[in-house]
Amino acid sequence: MRVSIDHQTTRKGFVLKTTYHEVSLQVAFTHEEKQIIRQRKLESAKLLDRRPADAKVDARDEKFELRIEDLMDGKIDRFLCATPSQSKIYEENLLDVLARLKLWLDDNAETGTRTVVEF
């Protein structure tokens, strides 16, 4: 798995322009990892709960969840933060979640073997 994270500053709004700090994430899964995800039907697994800086107050939280399917096939995930500090914290959270995802995919590669324990 190869992870690419990029930070950019964007301005949004028609009349009142607001500056946001965008974090772009792109994950390149290996062929083996893609096969594990498809065989074990892990596409809909939620990786991260999040809420962007430009989200409306009444928007549903499920709309902003980061799932494995959002990262498949080289898709780029873009997330807006209000401050540079929040974007750096978000990047740290992403790296932590993606490291756990790699371990989880490795665990799902094969079924467990027989274990004998004597007490």
PDB file of N, CA and C in Angstrom:
ATOM      1  N   MET A   1       0.857  -1.167   0.000  1.00  0.00           N
ATOM      2  CA  MET A   1       0.000   0.000   0.000  1.00  0.00           C
ATOM      3  C   MET A   1       0.906   1.234   0.000  1.00  0.00           C
ATOM      4  N   ARG A   2       0.640   2.120  -0.926  1.00  0.00           N
ATOM      5  CA  ARG A   2       1.373   3.379  -1.008  1.00  0.00           C
ATOM      6  C   ARG A   2       0.389   4.515  -0.756  1.00  0.00           C
ATOM      7  N   VAL A   3       0.733   5.396   0.191  1.00  0.00           N
ATOM      8  CA  VAL A   3      -0.140   6.487   0.603  1.00  0.00           C
ATOM      9  C   VAL A   3       0.493   7.813   0.214  1.00  0.00           C
ATOM     10  N   SER A   4      -0.318   8.678  -0.390  1.00  0.00           N
ATOM     11  CA  SER A   4       0.133  10.010  -0.764  1.00  0.00           C
ATOM     12  C   SER A   4      -0.813  11.032  -0.148  1.00  0.00           C
ATOM     13  N   ILE A   5      -0.249  11.943   0.656  1.00  0.00           N
ATOM     14  CA  ILE A   5      -1.048  12.981   1.316  1.00  0.00           C
ATOM     15  C   ILE A   5      -0.493  14.334   0.900  1.00  0.00           C
ATOM     16  N   ASP A   6      -1.401  15.226   0.483  1.00  0.00           N
ATOM     17  CA  ASP A   6      -1.004  16.545   0.001  1.00  0.00           C
ATOM     18  C   ASP A   6      -1.842  17.615   0.703  1.00  0.00           C
ATOM     19  N   HIS A   7      -1.217  18.727   1.041  1.00  0.00           N
ATOM     20  CA  HIS A   7      -1.909  19.853   1.688  1.00  0.00           C
ATOM     21  C   HIS A   7      -1.971  21.026   0.708  1.00  0.00           C
ATOM     22  N   GLN A   8      -3.152  21.647   0.629  1.00  0.00           N
ATOM     23  CA  GLN A   8      -3.333  22.827  -0.213  1.00  0.00           C
ATOM     24  C   GLN A   8      -4.270  23.801   0.488  1.00  0.00           C
ATOM     25  N   THR A   9      -4.141  25.067   0.138  1.00  0.00           N
ATOM     26  CA  THR A   9      -5.045  26.091   0.650  1.00  0.00           C
ATOM     27  C   THR A   9      -6.038  26.437  -0.449  1.00  0.00           C
ATOM     28  N   THR A  10      -7.340  26.413  -0.110  1.00  0.00           N
ATOM     29  CA  THR A  10      -8.379  26.734  -1.089  1.00  0.00           C
ATOM     30  C   THR A  10      -9.299  27.802  -0.511  1.00  0.00           C
ATOM     31  N   ARG A  11      -9.909  28.564  -1.406  1.00  0.00           N
ATOM     32  CA  ARG A  11     -10.891  29.570  -1.011  1.00  0.00           C
ATOM     33  C   ARG A  11     -12.228  29.179  -1.629  1.00  0.00           C
ATOM     34  N   LYS A  12     -13.260  29.153  -0.799  1.00  0.00           N
ATOM     35  CA  LYS A  12     -14.592  28.790  -1.270  1.00  0.00           C
ATOM     36  C   LYS A  12     -15.590  29.844  -0.840  1.00  0.00           C
ATOM     37  N   GLY A  13     -16.654  29.932  -1.596  1.00  0.00           N
ATOM     38  CA  GLY A  13     -17.723  30.869  -1.293  1.00  0.00           C
ATOM     39  C   GLY A  13     -17.922  31.832  -2.441  1.00  0.00           C
ATOM     40  N   PHE A  14     -19.169  32.246  -2.644  1.00  0.00           N
ATOM     41  CA  PHE A  14     -19.483  33.143  -3.748  1.00  0.00           C
ATOM     42  C   PHE A  14     -19.277  34.598  -3.338  1.00  0.00           C
ATOM     43  N   VAL A  15     -19.911  34.995  -2.259  1.00  0.00           N
ATOM     44  CA  VAL A  15     -19.796  36.378  -1.803  1.00  0.00           C
ATOM     45  C   VAL A  15     -18.762  36.481  -0.673  1.00  0.00           C
ATOM     46  N   LEU A  16     -18.976  35.697   0.356  1.00  0.00           N
ATOM     47  CA  LEU A  16     -18.061  35.687   1.498  1.00  0.00           C
ATOM     48  C   LEU A  16     -17.072  34.534   1.313  1.00  0.00           C
ATOM     49  N   LYS A  17     -15.924  34.819   0.822  1.00  0.00           N
ATOM     50  CA  LYS A  17     -14.936  33.779   0.571  1.00  0.00           C
ATOM     51  C   LYS A  17     -14.273  33.371   1.885  1.00  0.00           C
ATOM     52  N   THR A  18     -14.167  32.057   2.070  1.00  0.00           N
ATOM     53  CA  THR A  18     -13.536  31.500   3.264  1.00  0.00           C
ATOM     54  C   THR A  18     -12.346  30.663   2.841  1.00  0.00           C
ATOM     55  N   THR A  19     -11.266  30.754   3.588  1.00  0.00           N
ATOM     56  CA  THR A  19     -10.073  29.977   3.297  1.00  0.00           C
ATOM     57  C   THR A  19     -10.127  28.667   4.071  1.00  0.00           C
ATOM     58  N   TYR A  20      -9.919  27.565   3.357  1.00  0.00           N
ATOM     59  CA  TYR A  20      -9.865  26.239   3.960  1.00  0.00           C
ATOM     60  C   TYR A  20      -8.517  25.610   3.645  1.00  0.00           C
ATOM     61  N   HIS A  21      -8.159  24.652   4.451  1.00  0.00           N
ATOM     62  CA  HIS A  21      -6.916  23.914   4.254  1.00  0.00           C
ATOM     63  C   HIS A  21      -7.295  22.486   3.879  1.00  0.00           C
ATOM     64  N   GLU A  22      -7.058  22.153   2.614  1.00  0.00           N
ATOM     65  CA  GLU A  22      -7.498  20.882   2.052  1.00  0.00           C
ATOM     66  C   GLU A  22      -6.407  19.828   2.196  1.00  0.00           C
ATOM     67  N   VAL A  23      -6.818  18.652   2.645  1.00  0.00           N
ATOM     68  CA  VAL A  23      -5.919  17.507   2.743  1.00  0.00           C
ATOM     69  C   VAL A  23      -6.396  16.484   1.719  1.00  0.00           C
ATOM     70  N   SER A  24      -5.536  16.189   0.735  1.00  0.00           N
ATOM     71  CA  SER A  24      -5.871  15.215  -0.311  1.00  0.00           C
ATOM     72  C   SER A  24      -5.160  13.910  -0.008  1.00  0.00           C
ATOM     73  N   LEU A  25      -5.908  12.827  -0.083  1.00  0.00           N
ATOM     74  CA  LEU A  25      -5.371  11.501   0.216  1.00  0.00           C
ATOM     75  C   LEU A  25      -5.580  10.594  -0.982  1.00  0.00           C
ATOM     76  N   GLN A  26      -4.526   9.911  -1.379  1.00  0.00           N
ATOM     77  CA  GLN A  26      -4.626   8.907  -2.432  1.00  0.00           C
ATOM     78  C   GLN A  26      -3.874   7.666  -1.966  1.00  0.00           C
ATOM     79  N   VAL A  27      -4.546   6.522  -2.073  1.00  0.00           N
ATOM     80  CA  VAL A  27      -3.954   5.256  -1.649  1.00  0.00           C
ATOM     81  C   VAL A  27      -3.873   4.336  -2.851  1.00  0.00           C
ATOM     82  N   ALA A  28      -2.692   3.790  -3.081  1.00  0.00           N
ATOM     83  CA  ALA A  28      -2.496   2.808  -4.149  1.00  0.00           C
ATOM     84  C   ALA A  28      -2.340   1.445  -3.483  1.00  0.00           C
ATOM     85  N   PHE A  29      -3.395   0.636  -3.557  1.00  0.00           N
ATOM     86  CA  PHE A  29      -3.354  -0.708  -2.991  1.00  0.00           C
ATOM     87  C   PHE A  29      -2.619  -1.632  -3.951  1.00  0.00           C
ATOM     88  N   THR A  30      -1.932  -2.621  -3.389  1.00  0.00           N
ATOM     89  CA  THR A  30      -1.312  -3.634  -4.232  1.00  0.00           C
ATOM     90  C   THR A  30      -2.402  -4.544  -4.777  1.00  0.00           C
ATOM     91  N   HIS A  31      -2.055  -5.325  -5.782  1.00  0.00           N
ATOM     92  CA  HIS A  31      -3.020  -6.258  -6.369  1.00  0.00           C
ATOM     93  C   HIS A  31      -3.522  -7.239  -5.304  1.00  0.00           C
ATOM     94  N   GLU A  32      -2.627  -7.716  -4.468  1.00  0.00           N
ATOM     95  CA  GLU A  32      -3.004  -8.657  -3.416  1.00  0.00           C
ATOM     96  C   GLU A  32      -3.971  -8.022  -2.423  1.00  0.00           C
ATOM     97  N   GLU A  33      -3.715  -6.771  -2.033  1.00  0.00           N
ATOM     98  CA  GLU A  33      -4.599  -6.080  -1.096  1.00  0.00           C
ATOM     99  C   GLU A  33      -5.987  -5.866  -1.695  1.00  0.00           C
ATOM    100  N   LYS A  34      -6.040  -5.531  -2.981  1.00  0.00           N
ATOM    101  CA  LYS A  34      -7.339  -5.374  -3.652  1.00  0.00           C
ATOM    102  C   LYS A  34      -8.118  -6.682  -3.649  1.00  0.00           C
ATOM    103  N   GLN A  35      -7.417  -7.781  -3.886  1.00  0.00           N
ATOM    104  CA  GLN A  35      -8.077  -9.090  -3.882  1.00  0.00           C
ATOM    105  C   GLN A  35      -8.628  -9.422  -2.504  1.00  0.00           C
ATOM    106  N   ILE A  36      -7.853  -9.134  -1.456  1.00  0.00           N
ATOM    107  CA  ILE A  36      -8.315  -9.389  -0.086  1.00  0.00           C
ATOM    108  C   ILE A  36      -9.561  -8.564   0.208  1.00  0.00           C
ATOM    109  N   ILE A  37      -9.546  -7.294  -0.178  1.00  0.00           N
ATOM    110  CA  ILE A  37     -10.691  -6.412   0.061  1.00  0.00           C
ATOM    111  C   ILE A  37     -11.925  -6.930  -0.652  1.00  0.00           C
ATOM    112  N   ARG A  38     -11.773  -7.363  -1.897  1.00  0.00           N
ATOM    113  CA  ARG A  38     -12.932  -7.850  -2.663  1.00  0.00           C
ATOM    114  C   ARG A  38     -13.421  -9.204  -2.158  1.00  0.00           C
ATOM    115  N   GLN A  39     -12.507 -10.134  -1.891  1.00  0.00           N
ATOM    116  CA  GLN A  39     -12.905 -11.470  -1.450  1.00  0.00           C
ATOM    117  C   GLN A  39     -13.588 -11.450  -0.089  1.00  0.00           C
ATOM    118  N   ARG A  40     -13.079 -10.635   0.816  1.00  0.00           N
ATOM    119  CA  ARG A  40     -13.630 -10.573   2.169  1.00  0.00           C
ATOM    120  C   ARG A  40     -14.750  -9.538   2.301  1.00  0.00           C
ATOM    121  N   LYS A  41     -15.068  -8.861   1.172  1.00  0.00           N
ATOM    122  CA  LYS A  41     -16.133  -7.851   1.139  1.00  0.00           C
ATOM    123  C   LYS A  41     -15.915  -6.770   2.200  1.00  0.00           C
ATOM    124  N   LEU A  42     -14.730  -6.157   2.141  1.00  0.00           N
ATOM    125  CA  LEU A  42     -14.351  -5.141   3.112  1.00  0.00           C
ATOM    126  C   LEU A  42     -14.536  -3.719   2.595  1.00  0.00           C
ATOM    127  N   GLU A  43     -15.092  -3.556   1.390  1.00  0.00           N
ATOM    128  CA  GLU A  43     -15.208  -2.231   0.777  1.00  0.00           C
ATOM    129  C   GLU A  43     -15.981  -1.246   1.641  1.00  0.00           C
ATOM    130  N   SER A  44     -17.028  -1.711   2.298  1.00  0.00           N
ATOM    131  CA  SER A  44     -17.886  -0.798   3.049  1.00  0.00           C
ATOM    132  C   SER A  44     -17.413  -0.591   4.492  1.00  0.00           C
ATOM    133  N   ALA A  45     -16.255  -1.115   4.840  1.00  0.00           N
ATOM    134  CA  ALA A  45     -15.743  -0.942   6.201  1.00  0.00           C
ATOM    135  C   ALA A  45     -15.374   0.524   6.437  1.00  0.00           C
ATOM    136  N   LYS A  46     -15.834   1.056   7.566  1.00  0.00           N
ATOM    137  CA  LYS A  46     -15.586   2.457   7.908  1.00  0.00           C
ATOM    138  C   LYS A  46     -14.199   2.581   8.530  1.00  0.00           C
ATOM    139  N   LEU A  47     -13.419   3.525   8.012  1.00  0.00           N
ATOM    140  CA  LEU A  47     -12.081   3.760   8.533  1.00  0.00           C
ATOM    141  C   LEU A  47     -12.044   4.910   9.537  1.00  0.00           C
ATOM    142  N   LEU A  48     -12.844   5.946   9.278  1.00  0.00           N
ATOM    143  CA  LEU A  48     -12.714   7.159  10.070  1.00  0.00           C
ATOM    144  C   LEU A  48     -14.015   7.938  10.090  1.00  0.00           C
ATOM    145  N   ASP A  49     -14.418   8.395  11.276  1.00  0.00           N
ATOM    146  CA  ASP A  49     -15.517   9.359  11.411  1.00  0.00           C
ATOM    147  C   ASP A  49     -14.904  10.746  11.329  1.00  0.00           C
ATOM    148  N   ARG A  50     -15.506  11.595  10.538  1.00  0.00           N
ATOM    149  CA  ARG A  50     -14.949  12.935  10.375  1.00  0.00           C
ATOM    150  C   ARG A  50     -16.043  13.903   9.957  1.00  0.00           C
ATOM    151  N   ARG A  51     -15.770  15.188  10.082  1.00  0.00           N
ATOM    152  CA  ARG A  51     -16.716  16.231   9.682  1.00  0.00           C
ATOM    153  C   ARG A  51     -15.913  17.399   9.138  1.00  0.00           C
ATOM    154  N   PRO A  52     -16.082  17.751   7.852  1.00  0.00           N
ATOM    155  CA  PRO A  52     -15.290  18.830   7.258  1.00  0.00           C
ATOM    156  C   PRO A  52     -15.680  20.206   7.799  1.00  0.00           C
ATOM    157  N   ALA A  53     -14.790  21.161   7.602  1.00  0.00           N
ATOM    158  CA  ALA A  53     -15.002  22.520   8.107  1.00  0.00           C
ATOM    159  C   ALA A  53     -16.180  23.215   7.436  1.00  0.00           C
ATOM    160  N   ASP A  54     -16.512  22.831   6.197  1.00  0.00           N
ATOM    161  CA  ASP A  54     -17.605  23.491   5.487  1.00  0.00           C
ATOM    162  C   ASP A  54     -18.933  22.738   5.591  1.00  0.00           C
ATOM    163  N   ALA A  55     -19.036  21.770   6.501  1.00  0.00           N
ATOM    164  CA  ALA A  55     -20.263  20.970   6.640  1.00  0.00           C
ATOM    165  C   ALA A  55     -21.387  21.818   7.228  1.00  0.00           C
ATOM    166  N   LYS A  56     -22.578  21.607   6.735  1.00  0.00           N
ATOM    167  CA  LYS A  56     -23.754  22.297   7.259  1.00  0.00           C
ATOM    168  C   LYS A  56     -24.107  21.692   8.617  1.00  0.00           C
ATOM    169  N   VAL A  57     -24.740  22.472   9.464  1.00  0.00           N
ATOM    170  CA  VAL A  57     -25.063  22.040  10.819  1.00  0.00           C
ATOM    171  C   VAL A  57     -25.979  20.826  10.818  1.00  0.00           C
ATOM    172  N   ASP A  58     -26.953  20.792   9.905  1.00  0.00           N
ATOM    173  CA  ASP A  58     -27.927  19.700   9.886  1.00  0.00           C
ATOM    174  C   ASP A  58     -27.513  18.541   8.973  1.00  0.00           C
ATOM    175  N   ALA A  59     -26.292  18.532   8.453  1.00  0.00           N
ATOM    176  CA  ALA A  59     -25.837  17.440   7.584  1.00  0.00           C
ATOM    177  C   ALA A  59     -25.603  16.183   8.419  1.00  0.00           C
ATOM    178  N   ARG A  60     -25.945  15.056   7.828  1.00  0.00           N
ATOM    179  CA  ARG A  60     -25.801  13.778   8.530  1.00  0.00           C
ATOM    180  C   ARG A  60     -24.332  13.364   8.592  1.00  0.00           C
ATOM    181  N   ASP A  61     -23.933  12.813   9.733  1.00  0.00           N
ATOM    182  CA  ASP A  61     -22.544  12.405   9.938  1.00  0.00           C
ATOM    183  C   ASP A  61     -22.127  11.271   9.004  1.00  0.00           C
ATOM    184  N   GLU A  62     -23.064  10.400   8.630  1.00  0.00           N
ATOM    185  CA  GLU A  62     -22.745   9.263   7.766  1.00  0.00           C
ATOM    186  C   GLU A  62     -22.244   9.711   6.396  1.00  0.00           C
ATOM    187  N   LYS A  63     -22.611  10.905   6.010  1.00  0.00           N
ATOM    188  CA  LYS A  63     -22.223  11.447   4.711  1.00  0.00           C
ATOM    189  C   LYS A  63     -20.715  11.684   4.615  1.00  0.00           C
ATOM    190  N   PHE A  64     -20.061  11.888   5.751  1.00  0.00           N
ATOM    191  CA  PHE A  64     -18.658  12.270   5.769  1.00  0.00           C
ATOM    192  C   PHE A  64     -17.710  11.145   6.180  1.00  0.00           C
ATOM    193  N   GLU A  65     -18.226   9.958   6.464  1.00  0.00           N
ATOM    194  CA  GLU A  65     -17.371   8.847   6.888  1.00  0.00           C
ATOM    195  C   GLU A  65     -16.390   8.469   5.779  1.00  0.00           C
ATOM    196  N   LEU A  66     -15.184   8.117   6.172  1.00  0.00           N
ATOM    197  CA  LEU A  66     -14.189   7.629   5.215  1.00  0.00           C
ATOM    198  C   LEU A  66     -14.258   6.108   5.219  1.00  0.00           C
ATOM    199  N   ARG A  67     -14.522   5.528   4.045  1.00  0.00           N
ATOM    200  CA  ARG A  67     -14.628   4.081   3.892  1.00  0.00           C
ATOM    201  C   ARG A  67     -13.572   3.595   2.904  1.00  0.00           C
ATOM    202  N   ILE A  68     -13.303   2.303   2.929  1.00  0.00           N
ATOM    203  CA  ILE A  68     -12.300   1.723   2.031  1.00  0.00           C
ATOM    204  C   ILE A  68     -12.696   1.954   0.576  1.00  0.00           C
ATOM    205  N   GLU A  69     -13.983   1.848   0.258  1.00  0.00           N
ATOM    206  CA  GLU A  69     -14.434   2.033  -1.120  1.00  0.00           C
ATOM    207  C   GLU A  69     -14.128   3.433  -1.645  1.00  0.00           C
ATOM    208  N   ASP A  70     -13.988   4.421  -0.734  1.00  0.00           N
ATOM    209  CA  ASP A  70     -13.653   5.784  -1.141  1.00  0.00           C
ATOM    210  C   ASP A  70     -12.205   5.902  -1.608  1.00  0.00           C
ATOM    211  N   LEU A  71     -11.390   4.915  -1.296  1.00  0.00           N
ATOM    212  CA  LEU A  71      -9.967   4.948  -1.626  1.00  0.00           C
ATOM    213  C   LEU A  71      -9.575   3.956  -2.712  1.00  0.00           C
ATOM    214  N   MET A  72     -10.502   3.110  -3.129  1.00  0.00           N
ATOM    215  CA  MET A  72     -10.203   2.077  -4.129  1.00  0.00           C
ATOM    216  C   MET A  72      -9.963   2.700  -5.502  1.00  0.00           C
ATOM    217  N   ASP A  73      -9.204   2.007  -6.319  1.00  0.00           N
ATOM    218  CA  ASP A  73      -8.955   2.360  -7.724  1.00  0.00           C
ATOM    219  C   ASP A  73      -8.343   3.749  -7.893  1.00  0.00           C
ATOM    220  N   GLY A  74      -7.496   4.147  -6.963  1.00  0.00           N
ATOM    221  CA  GLY A  74      -6.778   5.411  -7.098  1.00  0.00           C
ATOM    222  C   GLY A  74      -7.606   6.663  -6.904  1.00  0.00           C
ATOM    223  N   LYS A  75      -8.793   6.534  -6.319  1.00  0.00           N
ATOM    224  CA  LYS A  75      -9.621   7.722  -6.074  1.00  0.00           C
ATOM    225  C   LYS A  75      -8.917   8.651  -5.086  1.00  0.00           C
ATOM    226  N   ILE A  76      -9.102   9.934  -5.282  1.00  0.00           N
ATOM    227  CA  ILE A  76      -8.523  10.926  -4.386  1.00  0.00           C
ATOM    228  C   ILE A  76      -9.607  11.420  -3.436  1.00  0.00           C
ATOM    229  N   ASP A  77      -9.331  11.323  -2.133  1.00  0.00           N
ATOM    230  CA  ASP A  77     -10.252  11.802  -1.117  1.00  0.00           C
ATOM    231  C   ASP A  77      -9.777  13.175  -0.662  1.00  0.00           C
ATOM    232  N   ARG A  78     -10.668  14.166  -0.711  1.00  0.00           N
ATOM    233  CA  ARG A  78     -10.335  15.528  -0.303  1.00  0.00           C
ATOM    234  C   ARG A  78     -11.144  15.890   0.939  1.00  0.00           C
ATOM    235  N   PHE A  79     -10.467  16.467   1.920  1.00  0.00           N
ATOM    236  CA  PHE A  79     -11.107  16.832   3.176  1.00  0.00           C
ATOM    237  C   PHE A  79     -10.691  18.245   3.548  1.00  0.00           C
ATOM    238  N   LEU A  80     -11.662  19.077   3.941  1.00  0.00           N
ATOM    239  CA  LEU A  80     -11.389  20.476   4.270  1.00  0.00           C
ATOM    240  C   LEU A  80     -11.276  20.675   5.779  1.00  0.00           C
ATOM    241  N   CYS A  81     -10.219  21.365   6.177  1.00  0.00           N
ATOM    242  CA  CYS A  81      -9.998  21.718   7.575  1.00  0.00           C
ATOM    243  C   CYS A  81     -10.010  23.240   7.696  1.00  0.00           C
ATOM    244  N   ALA A  82     -10.322  23.722   8.887  1.00  0.00           N
ATOM    245  CA  ALA A  82     -10.426  25.164   9.093  1.00  0.00           C
ATOM    246  C   ALA A  82      -9.070  25.827   9.293  1.00  0.00           C
ATOM    247  N   THR A  83      -8.120  25.131   9.895  1.00  0.00           N
ATOM    248  CA  THR A  83      -6.812  25.734  10.186  1.00  0.00           C
ATOM    249  C   THR A  83      -5.695  24.790   9.745  1.00  0.00           C
ATOM    250  N   PRO A  84      -4.489  25.314   9.555  1.00  0.00           N
ATOM    251  CA  PRO A  84      -3.354  24.449   9.218  1.00  0.00           C
ATOM    252  C   PRO A  84      -3.081  23.399  10.305  1.00  0.00           C
ATOM    253  N   SER A  85      -3.272  23.776  11.555  1.00  0.00           N
ATOM    254  CA  SER A  85      -3.069  22.839  12.656  1.00  0.00           C
ATOM    255  C   SER A  85      -4.034  21.659  12.557  1.00  0.00           C
ATOM    256  N   GLN A  86      -5.309  21.944  12.280  1.00  0.00           N
ATOM    257  CA  GLN A  86      -6.290  20.871  12.133  1.00  0.00           C
ATOM    258  C   GLN A  86      -5.942  19.958  10.966  1.00  0.00           C
ATOM    259  N   SER A  87      -5.397  20.519   9.896  1.00  0.00           N
ATOM    260  CA  SER A  87      -5.032  19.675   8.753  1.00  0.00           C
ATOM    261  C   SER A  87      -3.864  18.750   9.098  1.00  0.00           C
ATOM    262  N   LYS A  88      -2.932  19.222   9.913  1.00  0.00           N
ATOM    263  CA  LYS A  88      -1.811  18.374  10.333  1.00  0.00           C
ATOM    264  C   LYS A  88      -2.268  17.284  11.297  1.00  0.00           C
ATOM    265  N   ILE A  89      -3.176  17.619  12.184  1.00  0.00           N
ATOM    266  CA  ILE A  89      -3.738  16.620  13.099  1.00  0.00           C
ATOM    267  C   ILE A  89      -4.526  15.584  12.310  1.00  0.00           C
ATOM    268  N   TYR A  90      -5.286  16.038  11.318  1.00  0.00           N
ATOM    269  CA  TYR A  90      -6.036  15.117  10.468  1.00  0.00           C
ATOM    270  C   TYR A  90      -5.090  14.181   9.722  1.00  0.00           C
ATOM    271  N   GLU A  91      -3.963  14.705   9.234  1.00  0.00           N
ATOM    272  CA  GLU A  91      -2.981  13.858   8.554  1.00  0.00           C
ATOM    273  C   GLU A  91      -2.440  12.783   9.497  1.00  0.00           C
ATOM    274  N   GLU A  92      -2.139  13.143  10.741  1.00  0.00           N
ATOM    275  CA  GLU A  92      -1.669  12.163  11.720  1.00  0.00           C
ATOM    276  C   GLU A  92      -2.711  11.079  11.951  1.00  0.00           C
ATOM    277  N   ASN A  93      -3.987  11.477  12.049  1.00  0.00           N
ATOM    278  CA  ASN A  93      -5.068  10.501  12.225  1.00  0.00           C
ATOM    279  C   ASN A  93      -5.158   9.573  11.017  1.00  0.00           C
ATOM    280  N   LEU A  94      -5.021  10.133   9.817  1.00  0.00           N
ATOM    281  CA  LEU A  94      -5.057   9.319   8.601  1.00  0.00           C
ATOM    282  C   LEU A  94      -3.935   8.285   8.599  1.00  0.00           C
ATOM    283  N   LEU A  95      -2.729   8.717   8.927  1.00  0.00           N
ATOM    284  CA  LEU A  95      -1.592   7.797   8.924  1.00  0.00           C
ATOM    285  C   LEU A  95      -1.776   6.679   9.945  1.00  0.00           C
ATOM    286  N   ASP A  96      -2.338   7.024  11.102  1.00  0.00           N
ATOM    287  CA  ASP A  96      -2.608   6.013  12.125  1.00  0.00           C
ATOM    288  C   ASP A  96      -3.646   5.005  11.634  1.00  0.00           C
ATOM    289  N   VAL A  97      -4.733   5.502  11.059  1.00  0.00           N
ATOM    290  CA  VAL A  97      -5.802   4.628  10.565  1.00  0.00           C
ATOM    291  C   VAL A  97      -5.303   3.742   9.419  1.00  0.00           C
ATOM    292  N   LEU A  98      -4.510   4.308   8.517  1.00  0.00           N
ATOM    293  CA  LEU A  98      -4.018   3.536   7.377  1.00  0.00           C
ATOM    294  C   LEU A  98      -2.991   2.489   7.803  1.00  0.00           C
ATOM    295  N   ALA A  99      -2.210   2.765   8.840  1.00  0.00           N
ATOM    296  CA  ALA A  99      -1.290   1.755   9.374  1.00  0.00           C
ATOM    297  C   ALA A  99      -2.073   0.582   9.960  1.00  0.00           C
ATOM    298  N   ARG A 100      -3.167   0.887  10.676  1.00  0.00           N
ATOM    299  CA  ARG A 100      -4.021  -0.182  11.210  1.00  0.00           C
ATOM    300  C   ARG A 100      -4.730  -0.933  10.089  1.00  0.00           C
ATOM    301  N   LEU A 101      -5.109  -0.225   9.014  1.00  0.00           N
ATOM    302  CA  LEU A 101      -5.736  -0.873   7.866  1.00  0.00           C
ATOM    303  C   LEU A 101      -4.782  -1.889   7.241  1.00  0.00           C
ATOM    304  N   LYS A 102      -3.510  -1.524   7.114  1.00  0.00           N
ATOM    305  CA  LYS A 102      -2.520  -2.435   6.543  1.00  0.00           C
ATOM    306  C   LYS A 102      -2.410  -3.703   7.391  1.00  0.00           C
ATOM    307  N   LEU A 103      -2.352  -3.549   8.708  1.00  0.00           N
ATOM    308  CA  LEU A 103      -2.301  -4.719   9.587  1.00  0.00           C
ATOM    309  C   LEU A 103      -3.568  -5.556   9.465  1.00  0.00           C
ATOM    310  N   TRP A 104      -4.714  -4.889   9.358  1.00  0.00           N
ATOM    311  CA  TRP A 104      -5.998  -5.589   9.249  1.00  0.00           C
ATOM    312  C   TRP A 104      -6.072  -6.377   7.949  1.00  0.00           C
ATOM    313  N   LEU A 105      -5.589  -5.792   6.851  1.00  0.00           N
ATOM    314  CA  LEU A 105      -5.580  -6.504   5.571  1.00  0.00           C
ATOM    315  C   LEU A 105      -4.645  -7.707   5.628  1.00  0.00           C
ATOM    316  N   ASP A 106      -3.502  -7.562   6.282  1.00  0.00           N
ATOM    317  CA  ASP A 106      -2.588  -8.693   6.439  1.00  0.00           C
ATOM    318  C   ASP A 106      -3.229  -9.805   7.256  1.00  0.00           C
ATOM    319  N   ASP A 107      -3.997  -9.431   8.295  1.00  0.00           N
ATOM    320  CA  ASP A 107      -4.695 -10.433   9.110  1.00  0.00           C
ATOM    321  C   ASP A 107      -5.780 -11.143   8.316  1.00  0.00           C
ATOM    322  N   ASN A 108      -6.406 -10.451   7.379  1.00  0.00           N
ATOM    323  CA  ASN A 108      -7.481 -11.033   6.580  1.00  0.00           C
ATOM    324  C   ASN A 108      -6.977 -11.820   5.374  1.00  0.00           C
ATOM    325  N   ALA A 109      -5.676 -11.861   5.156  1.00  0.00           N
ATOM    326  CA  ALA A 109      -5.127 -12.564   3.996  1.00  0.00           C
ATOM    327  C   ALA A 109      -5.395 -14.062   4.070  1.00  0.00           C
ATOM    328  N   GLU A 110      -5.262 -14.637   5.235  1.00  0.00           N
ATOM    329  CA  GLU A 110      -5.466 -16.077   5.391  1.00  0.00           C
ATOM    330  C   GLU A 110      -6.332 -16.340   6.612  1.00  0.00           C
ATOM    331  N   THR A 111      -6.993 -17.482   6.589  1.00  0.00           N
ATOM    332  CA  THR A 111      -7.782 -17.873   7.753  1.00  0.00           C
ATOM    333  C   THR A 111      -6.847 -18.370   8.838  1.00  0.00           C
ATOM    334  N   GLY A 112      -7.344 -18.430  10.047  1.00  0.00           N
ATOM    335  CA  GLY A 112      -6.528 -18.874  11.173  1.00  0.00           C
ATOM    336  C   GLY A 112      -6.188 -20.354  11.074  1.00  0.00           C
ATOM    337  N   THR A 113      -5.143 -20.738  11.781  1.00  0.00           N
ATOM    338  CA  THR A 113      -4.731 -22.138  11.804  1.00  0.00           C
ATOM    339  C   THR A 113      -5.140 -22.753  13.128  1.00  0.00           C
ATOM    340  N   ARG A 114      -4.910 -24.013  13.262  1.00  0.00           N
ATOM    341  CA  ARG A 114      -5.296 -24.729  14.475  1.00  0.00           C
ATOM    342  C   ARG A 114      -4.346 -24.339  15.599  1.00  0.00           C
ATOM    343  N   THR A 115      -4.924 -24.105  16.764  1.00  0.00           N
ATOM    344  CA  THR A 115      -4.128 -23.759  17.939  1.00  0.00           C
ATOM    345  C   THR A 115      -4.451 -24.748  19.051  1.00  0.00           C
ATOM    346  N   VAL A 116      -3.409 -25.294  19.657  1.00  0.00           N
ATOM    347  CA  VAL A 116      -3.583 -26.220  20.789  1.00  0.00           C
ATOM    348  C   VAL A 116      -2.881 -25.593  21.986  1.00  0.00           C
ATOM    349  N   VAL A 117      -3.632 -25.466  23.073  1.00  0.00           N
ATOM    350  CA  VAL A 117      -3.086 -24.871  24.296  1.00  0.00           C
ATOM    351  C   VAL A 117      -3.308 -25.841  25.442  1.00  0.00           C
ATOM    352  N   GLU A 118      -2.287 -26.049  26.234  1.00  0.00           N
ATOM    353  CA  GLU A 118      -2.416 -26.945  27.389  1.00  0.00           C
ATOM    354  C   GLU A 118      -2.260 -26.123  28.660  1.00  0.00           C
ATOM    355  N   PHE A 119      -3.217 -26.253  29.572  1.00  0.00           N
ATOM    356  CA  PHE A 119      -3.174 -25.530  30.850  1.00  0.00           C
ATOM    357  C   PHE A 119      -2.893 -26.470  31.970  1.00  0.00           C
TER     358      PHE A 119
END
